[in-house]
Structures are given as C-alpha cells and as structure tokens.
Amino acid sequence: MYPDRVVSLRRICAPSIAVAALAACSQAGSPTSSAAGRSPSPLPQPALRSVYRAALGISLPVPEGWSVEEYPGTAVTDESPPQPIVHGPRFTIERLAGTDPAVAFQGHCGGRPASHAEGPTAVAGHPGSYRYLCSPLTFIGSEWTVLVPESSTPGTWRITYLGAGGIGGRDRMSMDFTAVLAAFRPTAPAPPLGDASAVAVCTSSGAAVAQTTGSAVRVAAGYMSTAGAVSVWQEHGRFGIPAHAGRSPFRHQPAAEPVAVCYLDGDFGTYGRYPPPPPSGPRPSYAPYDRIVVLVPQNHPPVVDTAGHASSLPATDHPQPH
C-alpha cells in the first residue's frame, strides 16, 4: 500500500558510438560511481494529528490523511490509511479497563503461533509494555500488537497493526505505527461529572442508546434534577441555543418528578453529521455528532434533548433543582 521509493540508475550504450563516449558511458555505469551506489531514499517522518474520540474519552494520534471511526457496537477505534482497501491493513486501539498488561498478555494470539513475544519491556517510550506478532487470523495478514499500561489507573491500552509484515519494519505503514505508538498518551478517560445516583441512571440509559445507535457510549456526566427545573432550563435556553418556542413538554409532568440529565459521548452520526444541505453547490462536511443530552424522567420514557459535539455542549451546563 505504501511502496518504498527506490532510486534506480540505468545507462545504455550503443555499440556504434565512439571510443571516448564508450569510456564515459562505462565510467557512468560503473559500480564505483556515486550514483550507482546510491541507497534508497529515506522515507519522510510521519506527520500526525490529534483526534478526540468520545467513545474512549481521550485524544489519539492519527497519521495525516487517515480516517478514524469505531467498529459498530464497540469502543474499538479503527485508523485506516487513505483510499483503504476493504478489510485491508489498518491500526486499532482499544482500552481494557481494569486489566493489567501481564493479564492481557496471557493467551496472546488466542492459541495462534506467535513469531515474536516479549515483555514487560519499554516499547516506544512506554515502560512495562508487552508486544507480540501473531500469525494471520484473517486474510488481512499478521498482527503486531503492543499492550501499554494505563498511566493513572489499572488498565491496558491494546494497540494493533493489522496486516503487519513484522515488528519494527521500515516501510511506510510500519513507520506510521511506530510514530502512533510513540505519540500515544495512555491516560484514562476522566470520570463522569455529577451525582453518583444520576450517573447510575445514565449508565443504564447509555446502554439502551448503544443498542439503538450501534455506537459505544460513555457517560460524560449525570445530574439529578426535576421536571420543573428542566422546563425552566429548556424555556430559557442552554448551551447558547435559543429557548424553546412555547412551553417545555416537561410542563406536562409533575414539577417535582425526578429527572436525570445525562451527557452521553459516542459516535452519533445517526443523529446528524451536517446541517441541511444547500439546494445546489457543494455540500459542507462536518464531523458526526459525538455527544447527546438525554433526559430520563423517573416515570416517563427517556427523551433526547440535544445532539451535537462535545466542544459545543459543555457537560457542566445542567438545570438546577428549585
């Protein structure tokens, strides 16, 4: 997919040319000449960008031009090169919460042969890591995996290059993978903001949303409120969004009814990706929504209040009980 660039020199001399020209041609094609002994041009260092992944709760290093998405229904992040081949080489990143790297290393490769396995050792600047190369599970190819310990809490980040030809290669994708490893920061996502009771309600609600949307869902915040307070919050605007036109639908519920206000992070492209397209001309492209606000009344069905991006929907904005 990323063929190395090799400099090649050929000199072809016609048999009928003059003796002086033959001598010059012979000298130019000689193995002792600097051009003939030129080594392959080195590949440029990979350029990376930082991409926040709501389902993981952290930012990831991604090679420039690559696409990023989650496997449907999981929190496994997939990084694919430009013009990817279907089921072709790619990188995956997954958090194993509460799992020590030594435990995650047990049974590596799932019974398949491993041509290389070592650890704990320092890998790309991450001490206490493990790495191994598994024989192919699918036609994509071998799997080069690194287990990186989480820096702040018990846990492991599993980072895999699907389709690797080996460990530490000098081809383009191997260099990209090494750069991603070196730039990766194995921090745990921030714990949810808010009230423990509301976070528990939001966790259950998030599981239901995950089944509906097919996206992994992480609770960013949860707050207990009331239907009366939610009504005021909606009618007077929040997140810089204009207030409801007319009365809030929560006015039809008892004012004291408990309502959990849930901030859920994930890949919510089903709720929106761009504003309504213009009648003509190019369609603007926007990132899929990665945050929704779900209101969970105690005695009524949950309601998706707002969908958008974490950058514009701060998880600290919530109704205050009266």
Protein backbone atom coordinates (compact mmCIF):
# COMPACT_ATOMS: atom_id res chain seq x y z
CA MET A 1 0.00 0.00 0.00
CA TYR A 2 2.95 2.24 0.73
CA PRO A 3 5.74 1.06 -1.64
CA ASP A 4 9.21 2.24 -0.71
CA ARG A 5 10.76 4.68 -3.16
CA VAL A 6 13.94 3.24 -4.68
CA VAL A 7 16.32 5.24 -6.83
CA SER A 8 17.49 3.27 -9.86
CA LEU A 9 20.11 4.27 -12.45
CA ARG A 10 20.46 2.68 -15.88
CA ARG A 11 22.91 3.66 -18.57
CA ILE A 12 22.55 2.04 -22.01
CA CYS A 13 25.41 2.49 -24.51
CA ALA A 14 25.05 1.82 -28.23
CA PRO A 15 27.82 -0.37 -29.71
CA SER A 16 28.46 2.05 -32.60
CA ILE A 17 29.40 5.11 -30.50
CA ALA A 18 32.95 6.48 -30.37
CA VAL A 19 35.62 5.06 -28.06
CA ALA A 20 35.67 8.20 -25.90
CA ALA A 21 31.92 8.04 -25.48
CA LEU A 22 32.19 4.33 -24.59
CA ALA A 23 34.68 5.16 -21.89
CA ALA A 24 32.45 7.86 -20.46
CA CYS A 25 29.43 5.54 -20.56
CA SER A 26 31.39 2.74 -18.88
CA GLN A 27 32.52 5.11 -16.13
CA ALA A 28 28.96 6.39 -15.51
CA GLY A 29 27.62 2.84 -15.20
CA SER A 30 30.49 1.59 -13.06
CA PRO A 31 29.61 0.19 -9.62
CA THR A 32 32.23 2.52 -8.16
CA SER A 33 30.35 5.63 -9.22
CA SER A 34 28.44 7.53 -6.53
CA ALA A 35 25.16 7.30 -8.44
CA ALA A 36 25.32 3.50 -8.83
CA GLY A 37 25.97 3.06 -5.13
CA ARG A 38 23.16 5.33 -4.05
CA SER A 39 20.96 3.82 -1.31
CA PRO A 40 17.16 4.04 -1.31
CA SER A 41 15.85 7.46 -0.39
CA PRO A 42 14.72 7.56 3.25
CA LEU A 43 11.00 7.94 3.85
CA PRO A 44 9.95 11.21 5.47
CA GLN A 45 8.96 11.10 9.12
CA PRO A 46 5.22 10.52 9.62
CA ALA A 47 3.03 13.57 10.24
CA LEU A 48 0.39 13.09 12.93
CA ARG A 49 -2.70 14.95 14.07
CA SER A 50 -4.63 14.65 17.34
CA VAL A 51 -8.23 13.40 17.14
CA TYR A 52 -10.60 13.28 20.13
CA ARG A 53 -12.60 10.06 20.34
CA ALA A 54 -15.66 10.48 22.51
CA ALA A 55 -16.21 6.75 22.98
CA LEU A 56 -12.74 6.44 24.52
CA GLY A 57 -12.71 9.80 26.28
CA ILE A 58 -9.19 10.71 25.10
CA SER A 59 -7.41 12.13 22.05
CA LEU A 60 -5.49 9.78 19.77
CA PRO A 61 -2.55 10.39 17.44
CA VAL A 62 -3.58 9.69 13.83
CA PRO A 63 -1.42 9.85 10.67
CA GLU A 64 -2.32 12.77 8.44
CA GLY A 65 -4.91 11.89 5.82
CA TRP A 66 -6.13 8.79 7.64
CA SER A 67 -9.77 8.19 8.60
CA VAL A 68 -10.90 7.33 12.14
CA GLU A 69 -14.04 5.52 13.27
CA GLU A 70 -15.30 2.96 15.77
CA TYR A 71 -16.20 -0.61 15.00
CA PRO A 72 -20.02 -0.67 15.24
CA GLY A 73 -21.22 -1.55 18.71
CA THR A 74 -17.75 -1.44 20.27
CA ALA A 75 -15.27 1.07 21.66
CA VAL A 76 -12.51 -0.24 19.36
CA THR A 77 -11.17 2.66 17.31
CA ASP A 78 -10.09 1.94 13.75
CA GLU A 79 -7.48 4.09 11.94
CA SER A 80 -7.39 3.47 8.17
CA PRO A 81 -4.95 4.84 5.55
CA PRO A 82 -6.06 7.00 2.62
CA GLN A 83 -8.02 5.07 0.00
CA PRO A 84 -8.18 2.00 2.25
CA ILE A 85 -8.70 -1.50 0.91
CA VAL A 86 -11.83 -3.15 2.30
CA HIS A 87 -10.63 -5.36 5.16
CA GLY A 88 -7.11 -4.20 4.40
CA PRO A 89 -4.22 -3.12 6.69
CA ARG A 90 -5.12 -0.70 9.49
CA PHE A 91 -4.48 0.16 13.14
CA THR A 92 -6.87 -0.50 16.01
CA ILE A 93 -6.86 0.97 19.53
CA GLU A 94 -8.84 -0.47 22.43
CA ARG A 95 -8.97 0.19 26.18
CA LEU A 96 -9.08 -2.83 28.50
CA ALA A 97 -10.34 -1.16 31.67
CA GLY A 98 -9.16 -2.72 34.93
CA THR A 99 -6.95 -5.28 33.16
CA ASP A 100 -3.23 -5.44 33.93
CA PRO A 101 -0.95 -5.76 30.85
CA ALA A 102 0.51 -9.02 32.21
CA VAL A 103 -3.00 -10.47 32.39
CA ALA A 104 -3.87 -9.20 28.92
CA PHE A 105 -0.63 -10.79 27.63
CA GLN A 106 -1.69 -14.25 28.83
CA GLY A 107 -3.10 -16.24 25.98
CA HIS A 108 -1.96 -13.67 23.43
CA CYS A 109 -2.73 -14.64 19.85
CA GLY A 110 -5.60 -16.83 21.08
CA GLY A 111 -3.71 -20.05 20.51
CA ARG A 112 -2.27 -19.00 17.15
CA PRO A 113 1.52 -19.15 16.70
CA ALA A 114 3.49 -16.04 17.69
CA SER A 115 6.76 -15.42 15.88
CA HIS A 116 7.72 -12.79 18.45
CA ALA A 117 6.56 -12.17 22.03
CA GLU A 118 8.26 -10.21 24.80
CA GLY A 119 7.59 -8.18 27.91
CA PRO A 120 7.49 -6.42 30.17
CA THR A 121 9.79 -4.02 28.35
CA ALA A 122 9.91 -0.44 27.12
CA VAL A 123 8.14 -0.07 23.77
CA ALA A 124 8.23 3.31 22.00
CA GLY A 125 8.90 5.05 25.31
CA HIS A 126 6.23 3.14 27.29
CA PRO A 127 7.85 1.10 30.11
CA GLY A 128 6.16 -2.06 31.33
CA SER A 129 4.67 -2.83 27.90
CA TYR A 130 4.32 -6.11 26.00
CA ARG A 131 4.50 -6.75 22.28
CA TYR A 132 3.91 -9.73 20.06
CA LEU A 133 3.42 -10.72 16.42
CA CYS A 134 0.60 -13.18 15.76
CA SER A 135 0.16 -15.31 12.66
CA PRO A 136 -2.77 -14.21 10.46
CA LEU A 137 -6.28 -14.74 11.74
CA THR A 138 -7.78 -13.40 8.50
CA PHE A 139 -6.50 -12.64 5.02
CA ILE A 140 -5.52 -9.14 6.22
CA GLY A 141 -2.23 -10.61 7.47
CA SER A 142 -0.17 -10.84 10.65
CA GLU A 143 -0.98 -8.75 13.73
CA TRP A 144 1.65 -6.68 15.52
CA THR A 145 0.20 -5.82 18.94
CA VAL A 146 1.52 -3.66 21.78
CA LEU A 147 -0.02 -3.66 25.27
CA VAL A 148 0.61 -0.34 27.01
CA PRO A 149 -0.17 0.08 30.74
CA GLU A 150 -2.53 2.88 31.65
CA SER A 151 -0.69 5.68 33.41
CA SER A 152 -3.16 6.70 36.13
CA THR A 153 -5.47 3.74 36.85
CA PRO A 154 -5.29 -0.05 36.45
CA GLY A 155 -5.87 -0.80 32.81
CA THR A 156 -4.27 -1.55 29.46
CA TRP A 157 -4.38 0.01 26.01
CA ARG A 158 -4.18 -2.59 23.23
CA ILE A 159 -2.78 -1.11 20.00
CA THR A 160 -2.60 -3.37 16.94
CA TYR A 161 -1.30 -3.10 13.39
CA LEU A 162 -3.43 -5.48 11.30
CA GLY A 163 -1.54 -6.63 8.23
CA ALA A 164 1.98 -6.06 9.57
CA GLY A 165 4.85 -7.77 7.78
CA GLY A 166 6.87 -7.88 11.01
CA ILE A 167 7.86 -5.83 14.03
CA GLY A 168 9.81 -2.61 13.54
CA GLY A 169 9.81 -2.53 9.74
CA ARG A 170 10.97 0.49 7.74
CA ASP A 171 8.07 0.53 5.29
CA ARG A 172 5.59 3.42 5.37
CA MET A 173 2.88 1.80 7.48
CA SER A 174 5.32 0.32 10.00
CA MET A 175 6.86 3.76 10.47
CA ASP A 176 3.37 5.26 10.89
CA PHE A 177 2.54 2.64 13.52
CA THR A 178 5.77 3.31 15.42
CA ALA A 179 5.02 7.05 15.35
CA VAL A 180 1.47 6.48 16.66
CA LEU A 181 2.87 4.33 19.49
CA ALA A 182 5.44 6.96 20.46
CA ALA A 183 2.88 9.79 20.43
CA PHE A 184 0.17 7.85 22.27
CA ARG A 185 -0.61 9.01 25.82
CA PRO A 186 -2.05 6.10 27.86
CA THR A 187 -4.24 8.19 30.13
CA ALA A 188 -7.58 7.05 31.49
CA PRO A 189 -10.68 8.99 30.47
CA ALA A 190 -11.93 11.46 33.04
CA PRO A 191 -14.57 10.02 35.40
CA PRO A 192 -18.15 11.21 34.86
CA LEU A 193 -19.15 14.55 36.34
CA GLY A 194 -22.21 14.98 38.52
CA ASP A 195 -24.12 12.86 41.02
CA ALA A 196 -23.49 9.16 41.61
CA SER A 197 -27.22 8.38 41.55
CA ALA A 198 -27.69 10.19 38.24
CA VAL A 199 -24.59 8.58 36.72
CA ALA A 200 -26.08 5.17 37.57
CA VAL A 201 -29.32 6.09 35.78
CA CYS A 202 -27.36 7.47 32.83
CA THR A 203 -25.27 4.30 32.58
CA SER A 204 -28.44 2.25 32.13
CA SER A 205 -29.80 4.79 29.66
CA GLY A 206 -26.49 4.79 27.80
CA ALA A 207 -26.70 1.02 27.36
CA ALA A 208 -30.12 1.44 25.74
CA VAL A 209 -28.80 4.20 23.46
CA ALA A 210 -25.88 1.96 22.46
CA GLN A 211 -28.30 -0.76 21.36
CA THR A 212 -30.32 1.76 19.36
CA THR A 213 -27.45 3.57 17.64
CA GLY A 214 -24.89 0.76 17.39
CA SER A 215 -22.30 3.07 18.94
CA ALA A 216 -20.23 2.53 22.05
CA VAL A 217 -21.44 5.02 24.66
CA ARG A 218 -19.55 6.63 27.55
CA VAL A 219 -21.24 8.65 30.30
CA ALA A 220 -19.55 12.05 30.46
CA ALA A 221 -21.84 13.46 33.17
CA GLY A 222 -25.07 12.83 35.01
CA TYR A 223 -27.12 15.20 37.17
CA MET A 224 -30.32 14.67 39.14
CA SER A 225 -32.91 17.40 38.58
CA THR A 226 -36.67 17.79 38.40
CA ALA A 227 -39.22 18.24 35.62
CA GLY A 228 -39.86 21.81 36.80
CA ALA A 229 -36.17 22.74 36.66
CA VAL A 230 -35.75 21.08 33.26
CA SER A 231 -38.69 23.12 31.94
CA VAL A 232 -37.06 26.39 33.01
CA TRP A 233 -33.73 25.23 31.55
CA GLN A 234 -35.28 24.48 28.17
CA GLU A 235 -37.51 27.55 28.00
CA HIS A 236 -34.70 29.98 28.82
CA GLY A 237 -32.06 28.41 26.58
CA ARG A 238 -28.89 26.40 27.26
CA PHE A 239 -25.55 25.86 25.52
CA GLY A 240 -26.14 29.16 23.77
CA ILE A 241 -29.10 27.56 21.97
CA PRO A 242 -32.26 29.72 21.68
CA ALA A 243 -35.03 28.90 24.13
CA HIS A 244 -37.92 26.59 23.29
CA ALA A 245 -40.70 28.19 21.27
CA GLY A 246 -43.58 27.98 23.70
CA ARG A 247 -43.79 25.74 26.73
CA SER A 248 -41.41 22.92 27.51
CA PRO A 249 -43.03 19.47 27.19
CA PHE A 250 -41.85 18.81 30.75
CA ARG A 251 -44.54 21.27 31.93
CA HIS A 252 -46.99 18.39 31.42
CA GLN A 253 -45.23 16.36 34.10
CA PRO A 254 -45.34 16.88 37.88
CA ALA A 255 -42.85 19.64 38.68
CA ALA A 256 -41.20 17.57 41.43
CA GLU A 257 -40.75 14.43 39.30
CA PRO A 258 -37.04 13.43 39.36
CA VAL A 259 -35.26 13.73 36.01
CA ALA A 260 -31.71 12.55 35.30
CA VAL A 261 -29.83 14.79 32.86
CA CYS A 262 -27.34 12.58 31.00
CA TYR A 263 -24.40 13.58 28.83
CA LEU A 264 -23.52 10.60 26.63
CA ASP A 265 -20.46 10.51 24.36
CA GLY A 266 -20.07 8.27 21.33
CA ASP A 267 -20.36 8.24 17.54
CA PHE A 268 -23.86 9.55 16.89
CA GLY A 269 -23.84 10.02 13.12
CA THR A 270 -27.44 8.77 13.11
CA TYR A 271 -28.47 11.98 14.90
CA GLY A 272 -26.66 14.25 12.46
CA ARG A 273 -23.48 15.00 10.62
CA TYR A 274 -24.10 18.26 8.82
CA PRO A 275 -26.78 20.95 8.58
CA PRO A 276 -29.45 20.50 5.88
CA PRO A 277 -27.62 20.53 2.53
CA PRO A 278 -27.98 23.60 0.30
CA PRO A 279 -30.27 23.32 -2.75
CA SER A 280 -27.26 23.39 -5.05
CA GLY A 281 -23.49 23.53 -4.91
CA PRO A 282 -21.05 21.54 -2.78
CA ARG A 283 -22.33 20.03 0.44
CA PRO A 284 -20.33 21.12 3.51
CA SER A 285 -18.72 18.32 5.51
CA TYR A 286 -18.83 18.19 9.29
CA ALA A 287 -17.75 15.64 11.87
CA PRO A 288 -20.51 13.31 13.11
CA TYR A 289 -22.14 14.29 16.38
CA ASP A 290 -20.24 12.84 19.33
CA ARG A 291 -22.41 13.97 22.27
CA ILE A 292 -26.11 13.77 23.05
CA VAL A 293 -28.04 15.01 26.09
CA VAL A 294 -30.69 12.55 27.24
CA LEU A 295 -33.34 13.45 29.82
CA VAL A 296 -34.56 10.46 31.84
CA PRO A 297 -37.74 11.17 33.88
CA GLN A 298 -38.48 8.76 36.69
CA ASN A 299 -41.97 7.91 35.44
CA HIS A 300 -41.76 8.64 31.70
CA PRO A 301 -39.68 7.44 28.71
CA PRO A 302 -36.23 9.00 28.10
CA VAL A 303 -36.01 11.94 25.67
CA VAL A 304 -33.04 13.00 23.53
CA ASP A 305 -32.89 16.71 24.29
CA THR A 306 -29.87 17.85 22.24
CA ALA A 307 -27.36 16.30 19.82
CA GLY A 308 -24.08 17.91 18.79
CA HIS A 309 -20.38 17.96 19.58
CA ALA A 310 -18.62 17.78 22.93
CA SER A 311 -16.81 21.00 22.05
CA SER A 312 -20.10 22.96 21.97
CA LEU A 313 -22.12 21.04 24.58
CA PRO A 314 -20.23 21.51 27.86
CA ALA A 315 -21.07 18.79 30.36
CA THR A 316 -21.20 21.37 33.17
CA ASP A 317 -24.37 23.02 31.82
CA HIS A 318 -27.38 21.49 33.56
CA PRO A 319 -30.64 22.57 35.23
CA GLN A 320 -30.55 23.41 38.91
CA PRO A 321 -33.37 21.93 41.05
CA HIS A 322 -35.65 24.59 42.55
